PDB file of N, CA and C in Angstrom:
ATOM      1  N   MET A   1      28.761  46.141  83.265  1.00  0.00           N
ATOM      2  CA  MET A   1      30.117  46.502  82.921  1.00  0.00           C
ATOM      3  C   MET A   1      30.153  47.323  81.631  1.00  0.00           C
ATOM      4  N   LYS A   2      29.182  47.068  80.760  1.00  0.00           N
ATOM      5  CA  LYS A   2      29.123  47.806  79.507  1.00  0.00           C
ATOM      6  C   LYS A   2      28.998  49.309  79.759  1.00  0.00           C
ATOM      7  N   VAL A   3      28.249  49.671  80.779  1.00  0.00           N
ATOM      8  CA  VAL A   3      28.043  51.077  81.113  1.00  0.00           C
ATOM      9  C   VAL A   3      29.375  51.747  81.456  1.00  0.00           C
ATOM     10  N   LEU A   4      30.239  51.035  82.147  1.00  0.00           N
ATOM     11  CA  LEU A   4      31.524  51.606  82.564  1.00  0.00           C
ATOM     12  C   LEU A   4      32.544  51.660  81.430  1.00  0.00           C
ATOM     13  N   GLY A   5      32.226  51.048  80.307  1.00  0.00           N
ATOM     14  CA  GLY A   5      33.134  51.059  79.174  1.00  0.00           C
ATOM     15  C   GLY A   5      33.057  52.326  78.338  1.00  0.00           C
ATOM     16  N   ASP A   6      32.171  53.223  78.687  1.00  0.00           N
ATOM     17  CA  ASP A   6      31.987  54.455  77.927  1.00  0.00           C
ATOM     18  C   ASP A   6      32.706  55.609  78.637  1.00  0.00           C
ATOM     19  N   LYS A   7      33.584  56.281  77.899  1.00  0.00           N
ATOM     20  CA  LYS A   7      34.397  57.348  78.494  1.00  0.00           C
ATOM     21  C   LYS A   7      33.542  58.491  79.049  1.00  0.00           C
ATOM     22  N   SER A   8      32.489  58.855  78.368  1.00  0.00           N
ATOM     23  CA  SER A   8      31.629  59.942  78.844  1.00  0.00           C
ATOM     24  C   SER A   8      30.981  59.578  80.178  1.00  0.00           C
ATOM     25  N   LYS A   9      30.530  58.327  80.301  1.00  0.00           N
ATOM     26  CA  LYS A   9      29.912  57.901  81.554  1.00  0.00           C
ATOM     27  C   LYS A   9      30.945  57.908  82.685  1.00  0.00           C
ATOM     28  N   LEU A  10      32.165  57.487  82.383  1.00  0.00           N
ATOM     29  CA  LEU A  10      33.224  57.525  83.406  1.00  0.00           C
ATOM     30  C   LEU A  10      33.526  58.959  83.818  1.00  0.00           C
ATOM     31  N   ASN A  11      33.525  59.869  82.867  1.00  0.00           N
ATOM     32  CA  ASN A  11      33.750  61.283  83.192  1.00  0.00           C
ATOM     33  C   ASN A  11      32.616  61.846  84.048  1.00  0.00           C
ATOM     34  N   ILE A  12      31.407  61.413  83.773  1.00  0.00           N
ATOM     35  CA  ILE A  12      30.260  61.828  84.590  1.00  0.00           C
ATOM     36  C   ILE A  12      30.426  61.300  86.011  1.00  0.00           C
ATOM     37  N   ILE A  13      30.827  60.052  86.144  1.00  0.00           N
ATOM     38  CA  ILE A  13      31.039  59.462  87.463  1.00  0.00           C
ATOM     39  C   ILE A  13      32.118  60.235  88.221  1.00  0.00           C
ATOM     40  N   LYS A  14      33.187  60.622  87.525  1.00  0.00           N
ATOM     41  CA  LYS A  14      34.254  61.407  88.160  1.00  0.00           C
ATOM     42  C   LYS A  14      33.717  62.741  88.680  1.00  0.00           C
ATOM     43  N   LEU A  15      32.909  63.410  87.868  1.00  0.00           N
ATOM     44  CA  LEU A  15      32.320  64.678  88.304  1.00  0.00           C
ATOM     45  C   LEU A  15      31.422  64.497  89.521  1.00  0.00           C
ATOM     46  N   LEU A  16      30.574  63.485  89.451  1.00  0.00           N
ATOM     47  CA  LEU A  16      29.621  63.266  90.535  1.00  0.00           C
ATOM     48  C   LEU A  16      30.295  62.765  91.805  1.00  0.00           C
ATOM     49  N   ASN A  17      31.496  62.248  91.666  1.00  0.00           N
ATOM     50  CA  ASN A  17      32.244  61.820  92.850  1.00  0.00           C
ATOM     51  C   ASN A  17      32.632  63.027  93.702  1.00  0.00           C
ATOM     52  N   LYS A  18      32.739  64.187  93.067  1.00  0.00           N
ATOM     53  CA  LYS A  18      33.099  65.415  93.784  1.00  0.00           C
ATOM     54  C   LYS A  18      31.880  66.060  94.426  1.00  0.00           C
ATOM     55  N   SER A  19      30.770  66.087  93.714  1.00  0.00           N
ATOM     56  CA  SER A  19      29.541  66.676  94.257  1.00  0.00           C
ATOM     57  C   SER A  19      28.364  66.357  93.342  1.00  0.00           C
ATOM     58  N   GLU A  20      27.165  66.493  93.897  1.00  0.00           N
ATOM     59  CA  GLU A  20      25.982  66.297  93.053  1.00  0.00           C
ATOM     60  C   GLU A  20      25.871  67.474  92.091  1.00  0.00           C
ATOM     61  N   MET A  21      25.269  67.220  90.937  1.00  0.00           N
ATOM     62  CA  MET A  21      25.140  68.252  89.909  1.00  0.00           C
ATOM     63  C   MET A  21      23.840  68.065  89.161  1.00  0.00           C
ATOM     64  N   TYR A  22      23.415  69.116  88.495  1.00  0.00           N
ATOM     65  CA  TYR A  22      22.241  68.985  87.640  1.00  0.00           C
ATOM     66  C   TYR A  22      22.686  68.790  86.196  1.00  0.00           C
ATOM     67  N   GLY A  23      21.781  68.303  85.363  1.00  0.00           N
ATOM     68  CA  GLY A  23      22.114  67.878  84.011  1.00  0.00           C
ATOM     69  C   GLY A  23      22.815  68.910  83.150  1.00  0.00           C
ATOM     70  N   THR A  24      22.308  70.138  83.141  1.00  0.00           N
ATOM     71  CA  THR A  24      22.911  71.186  82.311  1.00  0.00           C
ATOM     72  C   THR A  24      24.332  71.481  82.766  1.00  0.00           C
ATOM     73  N   GLU A  25      24.551  71.451  84.050  1.00  0.00           N
ATOM     74  CA  GLU A  25      25.880  71.690  84.613  1.00  0.00           C
ATOM     75  C   GLU A  25      26.871  70.616  84.136  1.00  0.00           C
ATOM     76  N   ILE A  26      26.435  69.368  84.151  1.00  0.00           N
ATOM     77  CA  ILE A  26      27.272  68.266  83.670  1.00  0.00           C
ATOM     78  C   ILE A  26      27.566  68.436  82.190  1.00  0.00           C
ATOM     79  N   ALA A  27      26.527  68.765  81.428  1.00  0.00           N
ATOM     80  CA  ALA A  27      26.686  68.953  79.982  1.00  0.00           C
ATOM     81  C   ALA A  27      27.709  70.038  79.679  1.00  0.00           C
ATOM     82  N   GLU A  28      27.640  71.142  80.385  1.00  0.00           N
ATOM     83  CA  GLU A  28      28.575  72.245  80.155  1.00  0.00           C
ATOM     84  C   GLU A  28      30.005  71.851  80.511  1.00  0.00           C
ATOM     85  N   LYS A  29      30.185  71.178  81.633  1.00  0.00           N
ATOM     86  CA  LYS A  29      31.524  70.807  82.079  1.00  0.00           C
ATOM     87  C   LYS A  29      32.179  69.783  81.153  1.00  0.00           C
ATOM     88  N   LEU A  30      31.364  68.915  80.557  1.00  0.00           N
ATOM     89  CA  LEU A  30      31.916  67.851  79.700  1.00  0.00           C
ATOM     90  C   LEU A  30      31.723  68.112  78.211  1.00  0.00           C
ATOM     91  N   ASN A  31      31.193  69.301  77.891  1.00  0.00           N
ATOM     92  CA  ASN A  31      30.971  69.662  76.485  1.00  0.00           C
ATOM     93  C   ASN A  31      30.090  68.627  75.765  1.00  0.00           C
ATOM     94  N   LEU A  32      28.987  68.271  76.428  1.00  0.00           N
ATOM     95  CA  LEU A  32      28.011  67.338  75.877  1.00  0.00           C
ATOM     96  C   LEU A  32      26.669  68.053  75.761  1.00  0.00           C
ATOM     97  N   THR A  33      25.786  67.522  74.955  1.00  0.00           N
ATOM     98  CA  THR A  33      24.436  68.079  74.907  1.00  0.00           C
ATOM     99  C   THR A  33      23.656  67.578  76.120  1.00  0.00           C
ATOM    100  N   THR A  34      22.631  68.317  76.484  1.00  0.00           N
ATOM    101  CA  THR A  34      21.806  67.878  77.611  1.00  0.00           C
ATOM    102  C   THR A  34      21.101  66.562  77.281  1.00  0.00           C
ATOM    103  N   ALA A  35      20.776  66.361  76.019  1.00  0.00           N
ATOM    104  CA  ALA A  35      20.145  65.098  75.611  1.00  0.00           C
ATOM    105  C   ALA A  35      21.104  63.925  75.808  1.00  0.00           C
ATOM    106  N   THR A  36      22.370  64.134  75.490  1.00  0.00           N
ATOM    107  CA  THR A  36      23.376  63.086  75.685  1.00  0.00           C
ATOM    108  C   THR A  36      23.549  62.781  77.165  1.00  0.00           C
ATOM    109  N   VAL A  37      23.607  63.817  77.982  1.00  0.00           N
ATOM    110  CA  VAL A  37      23.731  63.627  79.425  1.00  0.00           C
ATOM    111  C   VAL A  37      22.521  62.865  79.945  1.00  0.00           C
ATOM    112  N   SER A  38      21.343  63.234  79.496  1.00  0.00           N
ATOM    113  CA  SER A  38      20.123  62.554  79.916  1.00  0.00           C
ATOM    114  C   SER A  38      20.170  61.068  79.557  1.00  0.00           C
ATOM    115  N   HIS A  39      20.649  60.769  78.372  1.00  0.00           N
ATOM    116  CA  HIS A  39      20.784  59.376  77.922  1.00  0.00           C
ATOM    117  C   HIS A  39      21.743  58.606  78.836  1.00  0.00           C
ATOM    118  N   HIS A  40      22.907  59.198  79.107  1.00  0.00           N
ATOM    119  CA  HIS A  40      23.889  58.548  79.974  1.00  0.00           C
ATOM    120  C   HIS A  40      23.336  58.364  81.390  1.00  0.00           C
ATOM    121  N   MET A  41      22.650  59.375  81.891  1.00  0.00           N
ATOM    122  CA  MET A  41      22.099  59.301  83.241  1.00  0.00           C
ATOM    123  C   MET A  41      21.048  58.210  83.351  1.00  0.00           C
ATOM    124  N   SER A  42      20.279  58.054  82.307  1.00  0.00           N
ATOM    125  CA  SER A  42      19.274  56.996  82.300  1.00  0.00           C
ATOM    126  C   SER A  42      19.948  55.633  82.470  1.00  0.00           C
ATOM    127  N   GLN A  43      21.017  55.407  81.731  1.00  0.00           N
ATOM    128  CA  GLN A  43      21.732  54.132  81.814  1.00  0.00           C
ATOM    129  C   GLN A  43      22.424  53.957  83.170  1.00  0.00           C
ATOM    130  N   LEU A  44      23.044  55.032  83.668  1.00  0.00           N
ATOM    131  CA  LEU A  44      23.716  54.954  84.967  1.00  0.00           C
ATOM    132  C   LEU A  44      22.708  54.741  86.090  1.00  0.00           C
ATOM    133  N   SER A  45      21.536  55.295  85.928  1.00  0.00           N
ATOM    134  CA  SER A  45      20.478  55.133  86.924  1.00  0.00           C
ATOM    135  C   SER A  45      19.943  53.706  86.940  1.00  0.00           C
ATOM    136  N   VAL A  46      19.762  53.126  85.775  1.00  0.00           N
ATOM    137  CA  VAL A  46      19.237  51.761  85.671  1.00  0.00           C
ATOM    138  C   VAL A  46      20.140  50.767  86.410  1.00  0.00           C
ATOM    139  N   VAL A  47      21.448  50.970  86.332  1.00  0.00           N
ATOM    140  CA  VAL A  47      22.380  50.050  87.009  1.00  0.00           C
ATOM    141  C   VAL A  47      22.664  50.484  88.444  1.00  0.00           C
ATOM    142  N   GLY A  48      22.024  51.561  88.882  1.00  0.00           N
ATOM    143  CA  GLY A  48      22.115  51.976  90.273  1.00  0.00           C
ATOM    144  C   GLY A  48      23.326  52.807  90.642  1.00  0.00           C
ATOM    145  N   LEU A  49      24.065  53.300  89.650  1.00  0.00           N
ATOM    146  CA  LEU A  49      25.259  54.092  89.957  1.00  0.00           C
ATOM    147  C   LEU A  49      24.958  55.549  90.247  1.00  0.00           C
ATOM    148  N   VAL A  50      23.814  56.034  89.808  1.00  0.00           N
ATOM    149  CA  VAL A  50      23.415  57.399  90.136  1.00  0.00           C
ATOM    150  C   VAL A  50      21.968  57.409  90.619  1.00  0.00           C
ATOM    151  N   THR A  51      21.689  58.385  91.456  1.00  0.00           N
ATOM    152  CA  THR A  51      20.324  58.621  91.899  1.00  0.00           C
ATOM    153  C   THR A  51      19.972  60.041  91.488  1.00  0.00           C
ATOM    154  N   LEU A  52      18.698  60.335  91.453  1.00  0.00           N
ATOM    155  CA  LEU A  52      18.297  61.686  91.068  1.00  0.00           C
ATOM    156  C   LEU A  52      17.334  62.268  92.063  1.00  0.00           C
ATOM    157  N   ASP A  53      17.371  63.575  92.121  1.00  0.00           N
ATOM    158  CA  ASP A  53      16.503  64.317  93.029  1.00  0.00           C
ATOM    159  C   ASP A  53      15.966  65.521  92.277  1.00  0.00           C
ATOM    160  N   ARG A  54      14.662  65.587  92.131  1.00  0.00           N
ATOM    161  CA  ARG A  54      14.037  66.711  91.428  1.00  0.00           C
ATOM    162  C   ARG A  54      13.833  67.876  92.386  1.00  0.00           C
ATOM    163  N   SER A  55      14.253  69.058  91.943  1.00  0.00           N
ATOM    164  CA  SER A  55      14.093  70.269  92.738  1.00  0.00           C
ATOM    165  C   SER A  55      13.657  71.387  91.804  1.00  0.00           C
ATOM    166  N   ASP A  56      12.419  71.789  91.923  1.00  0.00           N
ATOM    167  CA  ASP A  56      11.839  72.790  91.012  1.00  0.00           C
ATOM    168  C   ASP A  56      11.982  72.322  89.576  1.00  0.00           C
ATOM    169  N   THR A  57      12.742  73.061  88.762  1.00  0.00           N
ATOM    170  CA  THR A  57      12.882  72.722  87.349  1.00  0.00           C
ATOM    171  C   THR A  57      14.157  71.941  87.054  1.00  0.00           C
ATOM    172  N   LYS A  58      14.953  71.668  88.074  1.00  0.00           N
ATOM    173  CA  LYS A  58      16.225  70.971  87.869  1.00  0.00           C
ATOM    174  C   LYS A  58      16.173  69.559  88.430  1.00  0.00           C
ATOM    175  N   VAL A  59      16.924  68.676  87.768  1.00  0.00           N
ATOM    176  CA  VAL A  59      17.107  67.319  88.267  1.00  0.00           C
ATOM    177  C   VAL A  59      18.562  67.208  88.691  1.00  0.00           C
ATOM    178  N   TYR A  60      18.770  66.963  89.975  1.00  0.00           N
ATOM    179  CA  TYR A  60      20.123  66.816  90.498  1.00  0.00           C
ATOM    180  C   TYR A  60      20.500  65.344  90.513  1.00  0.00           C
ATOM    181  N   TYR A  61      21.718  65.059  90.065  1.00  0.00           N
ATOM    182  CA  TYR A  61      22.220  63.698  90.043  1.00  0.00           C
ATOM    183  C   TYR A  61      23.290  63.533  91.105  1.00  0.00           C
ATOM    184  N   LYS A  62      23.274  62.368  91.730  1.00  0.00           N
ATOM    185  CA  LYS A  62      24.225  62.080  92.792  1.00  0.00           C
ATOM    186  C   LYS A  62      24.798  60.685  92.564  1.00  0.00           C
ATOM    187  N   LEU A  63      26.088  60.540  92.775  1.00  0.00           N
ATOM    188  CA  LEU A  63      26.740  59.244  92.633  1.00  0.00           C
ATOM    189  C   LEU A  63      26.352  58.352  93.801  1.00  0.00           C
ATOM    190  N   ASN A  64      25.966  57.135  93.499  1.00  0.00           N
ATOM    191  CA  ASN A  64      25.670  56.141  94.517  1.00  0.00           C
ATOM    192  C   ASN A  64      26.996  55.448  94.842  1.00  0.00           C
ATOM    193  N   LYS A  65      27.715  56.000  95.807  1.00  0.00           N
ATOM    194  CA  LYS A  65      29.061  55.507  96.125  1.00  0.00           C
ATOM    195  C   LYS A  65      29.039  54.076  96.662  1.00  0.00           C
ATOM    196  N   LYS A  66      27.974  53.716  97.350  1.00  0.00           N
ATOM    197  CA  LYS A  66      27.866  52.344  97.840  1.00  0.00           C
ATOM    198  C   LYS A  66      27.835  51.362  96.670  1.00  0.00           C
ATOM    199  N   ARG A  67      27.042  51.685  95.671  1.00  0.00           N
ATOM    200  CA  ARG A  67      26.940  50.812  94.490  1.00  0.00           C
ATOM    201  C   ARG A  67      28.262  50.778  93.732  1.00  0.00           C
ATOM    202  N   LEU A  68      28.932  51.922  93.615  1.00  0.00           N
ATOM    203  CA  LEU A  68      30.218  51.968  92.931  1.00  0.00           C
ATOM    204  C   LEU A  68      31.235  51.091  93.656  1.00  0.00           C
ATOM    205  N   LYS A  69      31.238  51.126  94.981  1.00  0.00           N
ATOM    206  CA  LYS A  69      32.146  50.273  95.755  1.00  0.00           C
ATOM    207  C   LYS A  69      31.854  48.801  95.503  1.00  0.00           C
ATOM    208  N   GLU A  70      30.576  48.453  95.393  1.00  0.00           N
ATOM    209  CA  GLU A  70      30.197  47.068  95.094  1.00  0.00           C
ATOM    210  C   GLU A  70      30.765  46.634  93.744  1.00  0.00           C
ATOM    211  N   VAL A  71      30.680  47.509  92.762  1.00  0.00           N
ATOM    212  CA  VAL A  71      31.196  47.200  91.426  1.00  0.00           C
ATOM    213  C   VAL A  71      32.713  47.027  91.474  1.00  0.00           C
ATOM    214  N   VAL A  72      33.391  47.916  92.176  1.00  0.00           N
ATOM    215  CA  VAL A  72      34.847  47.834  92.290  1.00  0.00           C
ATOM    216  C   VAL A  72      35.246  46.533  92.995  1.00  0.00           C
ATOM    217  N   LEU A  73      34.556  46.190  94.069  1.00  0.00           N
ATOM    218  CA  LEU A  73      34.843  44.937  94.773  1.00  0.00           C
ATOM    219  C   LEU A  73      34.629  43.727  93.877  1.00  0.00           C
ATOM    220  N   TYR A  74      33.548  43.767  93.108  1.00  0.00           N
ATOM    221  CA  TYR A  74      33.278  42.675  92.176  1.00  0.00           C
ATOM    222  C   TYR A  74      34.441  42.522  91.190  1.00  0.00           C
ATOM    223  N   LEU A  75      34.887  43.630  90.619  1.00  0.00           N
ATOM    224  CA  LEU A  75      35.982  43.571  89.648  1.00  0.00           C
ATOM    225  C   LEU A  75      37.267  43.053  90.285  1.00  0.00           C
ATOM    226  N   LYS A  76      37.566  43.517  91.485  1.00  0.00           N
ATOM    227  CA  LYS A  76      38.764  43.046  92.189  1.00  0.00           C
ATOM    228  C   LYS A  76      38.710  41.540  92.419  1.00  0.00           C
ATOM    229  N   ASN A  77      37.558  41.063  92.870  1.00  0.00           N
ATOM    230  CA  ASN A  77      37.413  39.623  93.137  1.00  0.00           C
ATOM    231  C   ASN A  77      37.390  38.806  91.867  1.00  0.00           C
ATOM    232  N   GLU A  78      36.686  39.272  90.878  1.00  0.00           N
ATOM    233  CA  GLU A  78      36.525  38.525  89.622  1.00  0.00           C
ATOM    234  C   GLU A  78      37.848  38.375  88.880  1.00  0.00           C
ATOM    235  N   PHE A  79      38.681  39.403  88.946  1.00  0.00           N
ATOM    236  CA  PHE A  79      39.936  39.388  88.203  1.00  0.00           C
ATOM    237  C   PHE A  79      41.170  39.263  89.106  1.00  0.00           C
ATOM    238  N   ASN A  80      40.931  38.860  90.359  1.00  0.00           N
ATOM    239  CA  ASN A  80      42.007  38.639  91.315  1.00  0.00           C
ATOM    240  C   ASN A  80      42.956  39.834  91.376  1.00  0.00           C
ATOM    241  N   LEU A  81      42.379  41.002  91.630  1.00  0.00           N
ATOM    242  CA  LEU A  81      43.144  42.244  91.687  1.00  0.00           C
ATOM    243  C   LEU A  81      43.312  42.711  93.130  1.00  0.00           C
ATOM    244  N   SER A  82      43.628  41.799  94.004  1.00  0.00           N
ATOM    245  CA  SER A  82      43.688  42.121  95.428  1.00  0.00           C
ATOM    246  C   SER A  82      44.738  43.175  95.766  1.00  0.00           C
ATOM    247  N   GLY A  83      45.763  43.337  94.956  1.00  0.00           N
ATOM    248  CA  GLY A  83      46.791  44.322  95.236  1.00  0.00           C
ATOM    249  C   GLY A  83      46.452  45.722  94.770  1.00  0.00           C
ATOM    250  N   CYS A  84      45.276  45.906  94.171  1.00  0.00           N
ATOM    251  CA  CYS A  84      44.894  47.218  93.638  1.00  0.00           C
ATOM    252  C   CYS A  84      44.164  48.055  94.645  1.00  0.00           C
TER     253      CYS A  84
END
């Protein structure tokens, strides 16, 4: 849950919900450094919210929508948010 408490990580998740992207592309869209994006991606990857695919010199990131749904379901059940 700590990972989702960071606004930059949530913005990354929003971007990746639309399409997969590579690190520099994410950095440019969110006005972050590539090092910052790499740091966030590492954390999002550890909790299973993003996956990566290496292609030549680029690393493409993709949102793991199944895992995100699991997290949302957990939050709904844990906090009795059935109407959301």
